[in-house]
Each structure stands twice: as structure tokens, then as C-alpha cells.
Protein backbone atom coordinates (compact mmCIF):
# COMPACT_ATOMS: atom_id res chain seq x y z
CA MET A 1 139.71 -54.61 -36.83
CA LYS A 2 142.49 -52.56 -35.00
CA LYS A 3 140.91 -49.31 -36.51
CA ILE A 4 137.10 -50.52 -35.04
CA THR A 5 138.48 -51.74 -31.72
CA VAL A 6 140.46 -48.26 -31.06
CA ALA A 7 137.45 -46.29 -32.16
CA LEU A 8 135.52 -48.03 -29.80
CA LEU A 9 137.97 -47.28 -27.09
CA VAL A 10 137.72 -43.65 -28.21
CA VAL A 11 134.30 -43.35 -27.92
CA ALA A 12 133.98 -45.70 -24.63
CA ALA A 13 136.49 -43.01 -23.27
CA ALA A 14 134.77 -40.20 -24.15
CA MET A 15 131.76 -41.52 -22.62
CA LEU A 16 133.31 -41.81 -19.16
CA GLN A 17 134.52 -38.28 -19.54
CA ALA A 18 130.99 -37.44 -19.95
CA GLN A 19 130.45 -34.44 -17.78
CA GLU A 20 126.69 -34.87 -16.85
CA PHE A 21 123.96 -37.08 -18.39
CA ARG A 22 120.44 -35.73 -18.07
CA PHE A 23 117.05 -36.93 -19.62
CA GLY A 24 114.21 -35.13 -21.15
CA ALA A 25 111.39 -35.35 -23.57
CA GLN A 26 110.09 -33.34 -26.66
CA ALA A 27 106.94 -33.00 -28.34
CA THR A 28 107.02 -31.70 -32.30
CA LEU A 29 105.08 -30.43 -34.94
CA ALA A 30 106.16 -32.66 -38.42
CA ILE A 31 105.23 -31.01 -41.41
CA PRO A 32 105.83 -33.38 -43.94
CA PHE A 33 107.13 -32.45 -47.95
CA GLY A 34 108.24 -34.67 -50.78
CA ASP A 35 106.95 -38.06 -51.81
CA ILE A 36 104.98 -39.06 -48.37
CA ALA A 37 103.61 -35.48 -48.25
CA GLN A 38 101.76 -36.10 -51.73
CA LYS A 39 97.96 -36.56 -52.34
CA GLU A 40 98.13 -40.17 -52.42
CA PHE A 41 99.39 -40.52 -48.76
CA LEU A 42 99.23 -37.55 -46.53
CA ASN A 43 97.72 -34.91 -48.29
CA HIS A 44 100.25 -32.66 -47.13
CA ARG A 45 98.86 -32.86 -43.27
CA PRO A 46 101.05 -32.04 -40.65
CA ALA A 47 101.79 -34.27 -37.60
CA LEU A 48 102.00 -35.11 -33.87
CA SER A 49 105.23 -36.48 -32.71
CA LEU A 50 106.46 -37.29 -29.47
CA GLY A 51 109.76 -38.50 -27.71
CA VAL A 52 112.39 -39.01 -25.28
CA HIS A 53 116.43 -38.32 -25.34
CA GLY A 54 119.18 -38.14 -23.13
CA LEU A 55 122.00 -35.89 -22.86
CA TRP A 56 125.50 -36.37 -22.51
CA ASN A 57 127.78 -32.78 -22.09
CA PHE A 58 130.99 -33.96 -23.24
CA HIS A 59 132.24 -30.49 -23.30
CA PRO A 60 130.39 -27.36 -22.55
CA ARG A 61 130.28 -26.87 -26.64
CA HIS A 62 129.71 -30.43 -27.50
CA VAL A 63 126.55 -32.46 -26.58
CA PHE A 64 125.84 -35.94 -27.91
CA VAL A 65 121.69 -36.23 -27.74
CA PRO A 66 120.47 -40.11 -28.51
CA ARG A 67 116.47 -39.73 -29.20
CA ILE A 68 113.44 -41.85 -29.84
CA ASP A 69 110.72 -40.07 -31.94
CA ILE A 70 107.40 -41.62 -32.93
CA THR A 71 105.17 -39.39 -35.33
CA TYR A 72 101.71 -40.55 -36.40
CA TYR A 73 100.40 -39.47 -39.54
CA LYS A 74 96.67 -39.48 -40.75
CA ARG A 75 95.70 -38.68 -44.02
CA ASN A 76 93.06 -35.58 -44.16
CA THR A 77 90.55 -37.09 -46.75
CA ASP A 78 86.81 -36.03 -48.25
CA SER A 79 83.78 -37.55 -47.40
CA ASN A 80 83.20 -38.06 -51.12
CA ASN A 81 86.27 -40.14 -52.26
CA LEU A 82 86.09 -42.78 -54.70
CA ILE A 83 88.54 -45.06 -53.17
CA PRO A 84 87.12 -47.42 -50.36
CA PHE A 85 88.71 -47.18 -46.92
CA GLN A 86 90.43 -44.07 -47.96
CA ASP A 87 89.87 -42.28 -44.53
CA ALA A 88 91.92 -45.25 -42.66
CA VAL A 89 95.23 -44.39 -44.39
CA THR A 90 97.54 -43.87 -41.99
CA LEU A 91 101.44 -43.73 -41.32
CA ARG A 92 103.45 -44.00 -38.44
CA ASP A 93 107.05 -43.31 -38.55
CA LEU A 94 109.79 -44.43 -35.86
CA LYS A 95 112.81 -43.15 -35.45
CA ILE A 96 115.62 -44.24 -33.17
CA GLY A 97 119.27 -41.89 -33.65
CA VAL A 98 121.55 -39.73 -32.07
CA ASP A 99 122.46 -35.89 -32.69
CA TYR A 100 125.46 -33.96 -32.10
CA ASN A 101 124.96 -30.75 -31.12
CA LEU A 102 127.46 -27.73 -31.36
CA VAL A 103 126.60 -25.22 -28.93
CA THR A 104 127.85 -21.51 -30.43
CA LYS A 105 128.91 -18.82 -28.65
CA PHE A 106 125.74 -16.81 -29.32
CA ASP A 107 123.61 -17.07 -26.43
CA GLY A 108 123.12 -20.64 -26.04
CA LEU A 109 122.39 -20.77 -29.68
CA TYR A 110 123.42 -24.76 -31.27
CA GLY A 111 123.49 -26.54 -34.31
CA ILE A 112 122.13 -30.28 -34.72
CA ALA A 113 123.51 -32.72 -36.79
CA GLY A 114 122.12 -36.35 -36.62
CA ILE A 115 121.54 -40.11 -37.72
CA ASN A 116 118.74 -42.19 -37.33
CA TYR A 117 117.13 -45.45 -38.12
CA SER A 118 113.73 -44.76 -39.25
CA THR A 119 110.74 -47.81 -39.67
CA LEU A 120 107.63 -46.48 -41.86
CA ASN A 121 104.90 -48.26 -40.99
CA TRP A 122 101.75 -47.76 -42.87
CA ALA A 123 98.13 -48.74 -43.95
CA LEU A 124 97.01 -47.77 -47.23
CA PRO A 125 93.92 -48.56 -49.54
CA HIS A 126 94.82 -51.82 -51.48
CA PRO A 127 94.85 -50.55 -55.46
CA SER A 128 92.57 -53.56 -56.67
CA ARG A 129 90.71 -55.05 -53.47
CA ASP A 130 88.40 -53.51 -50.93
CA GLU A 131 91.16 -53.71 -48.02
CA LEU A 132 93.95 -51.81 -46.53
CA TRP A 133 97.26 -53.08 -47.67
CA ARG A 134 99.89 -52.88 -44.44
CA GLU A 135 103.53 -52.88 -44.51
CA SER A 136 106.75 -51.64 -43.00
CA LYS A 137 110.16 -50.61 -44.42
CA ASN A 138 113.39 -49.42 -42.75
CA THR A 139 116.08 -47.02 -43.58
CA LEU A 140 119.18 -45.01 -42.40
CA GLY A 141 118.27 -41.21 -42.36
CA PHE A 142 119.66 -37.78 -41.47
CA SER A 143 119.01 -34.84 -39.66
CA LEU A 144 120.10 -30.99 -39.75
CA GLY A 145 118.79 -28.05 -37.85
CA ALA A 146 119.50 -25.64 -35.09
CA GLY A 147 118.10 -24.91 -31.19
CA TYR A 148 117.50 -22.50 -28.56
CA PRO A 149 117.49 -22.63 -24.96
CA LEU A 150 114.33 -21.03 -23.91
CA THR A 151 115.03 -21.53 -20.07
CA ASN A 152 117.49 -23.88 -18.03
CA HIS A 153 114.97 -26.84 -18.69
CA ILE A 154 112.86 -25.91 -22.09
CA LEU A 155 114.46 -25.43 -25.46
CA ALA A 156 112.93 -24.99 -28.90
CA GLU A 157 114.34 -26.34 -32.00
CA ALA A 158 114.01 -26.46 -35.58
CA ARG A 159 114.77 -29.61 -38.25
CA TYR A 160 115.09 -31.06 -41.18
CA THR A 161 114.87 -34.30 -41.32
CA HIS A 162 115.27 -36.99 -44.36
CA ALA A 163 114.77 -40.41 -45.09
CA SER A 164 114.06 -42.77 -48.58
CA TYR A 165 112.21 -46.04 -48.65
CA SER A 166 112.44 -48.57 -51.34
CA GLY A 167 109.28 -50.41 -52.14
CA ILE A 168 106.70 -48.38 -51.35
CA LEU A 169 103.55 -49.29 -53.58
CA GLY A 170 106.46 -50.37 -55.64
CA MET A 171 108.65 -47.09 -56.25
CA ASN A 172 111.06 -45.32 -53.98
CA ARG A 173 109.38 -42.62 -51.93
CA THR A 174 111.10 -40.01 -49.87
CA ALA A 175 109.67 -38.98 -46.76
CA PRO A 176 111.32 -35.37 -45.64
CA ALA A 177 109.83 -33.08 -42.45
CA ILE A 178 110.48 -29.69 -41.21
CA ASN A 179 110.31 -30.70 -37.37
CA LEU A 180 109.61 -27.78 -34.81
CA SER A 181 110.18 -29.03 -31.53
CA VAL A 182 109.69 -27.90 -27.63
CA LEU A 183 112.15 -29.94 -25.78
CA TRP A 184 112.02 -30.32 -21.81
CA ARG A 185 115.27 -31.21 -20.38
CA TYR A 186 115.60 -32.28 -16.63
């Protein structure tokens, strides 16, 4: 218990010493791969993700970025599918997390390492009935990437995100994605 209390006090002290707090928003092209990108789910179609974030500078080179992202995937299908309701396959991924950004000495380039809590909601054709199967799963995930400031307010990021979900259609599924983002900070 003492260790947890000390850790919380260190985090609180660091937050009080933050140089500034700012807000921002991001738009992302999410390119899925792994199990979720396969033909029975997304058929390798990219998606749009939108989100908001905060920004705490603790040091000119050390930044914490709490963020919320929502990604909406819709399956690309052909009109001659044999599965009923095939065109209605959708997945919505909500991620709430925090990133640590380490700004390098190379003209603003920064590295990203983050953790997130992810909720995946989906509507898929039921394997044996003419109806949609709706379900939701939660998990912890991580992200790694890099970013670069294009101007004082516009940034570009590339990140790899990963999450594993158990019990989607009775199996464990991975949901990695490459995210290409444009961020606006004010």
C-alpha cells in the first residue's frame, strides 16, 4: 500500500509541475490487419477514426497525452454474397488511453509509447440465423509510433496499435492497425 501511495504522490507532484496543459483533436486513417482485417470481418478495408486529446508538457522533451479515439469500420462486400445481412457488418472501436511522447533533438521528431483500454462493438451476420449478432468486448492494448510537427498547431503521426479480444465468434482475435493521423493542437 505504501508503494502505491508513493507512486500516486509522485504522479500528482509531476502533474502539478506541468508547464502547460493544452487540448487538441485528431483525424486518423486506420488500416487494420491481423484477424479483424480478414474477409469474414473487414475484408482489409481502412476506416476513419476521430478523437480528442489533452497535452501535458512536464519537460520540453517529456509529454503525456491522454486521448480518446473512436474508429468506425464498415465491411466492404459484394452484392452477390450468400450470407444474409452481409452488407451490415460493422465494427466500432473506442480507445481511451494515455501516450508518453519523447521529443528528440532532431527538429521536433518525437517517439510515442502508449497504453489504452479498448472496447470493440460489432454487428456480424449470425452463422445460423437470418439476423445480426451484436456483441461487445473490452481489453487493454498498446501503441508505438512517431510524430512530427508540421507547424506550431498541426502534427503528423504514424502509430501501430494492438489489442487482443477473446471470444469473438468463439475465438481469440487480434486487432492490430497502422494509424496515420493528423493532429490539431490549440
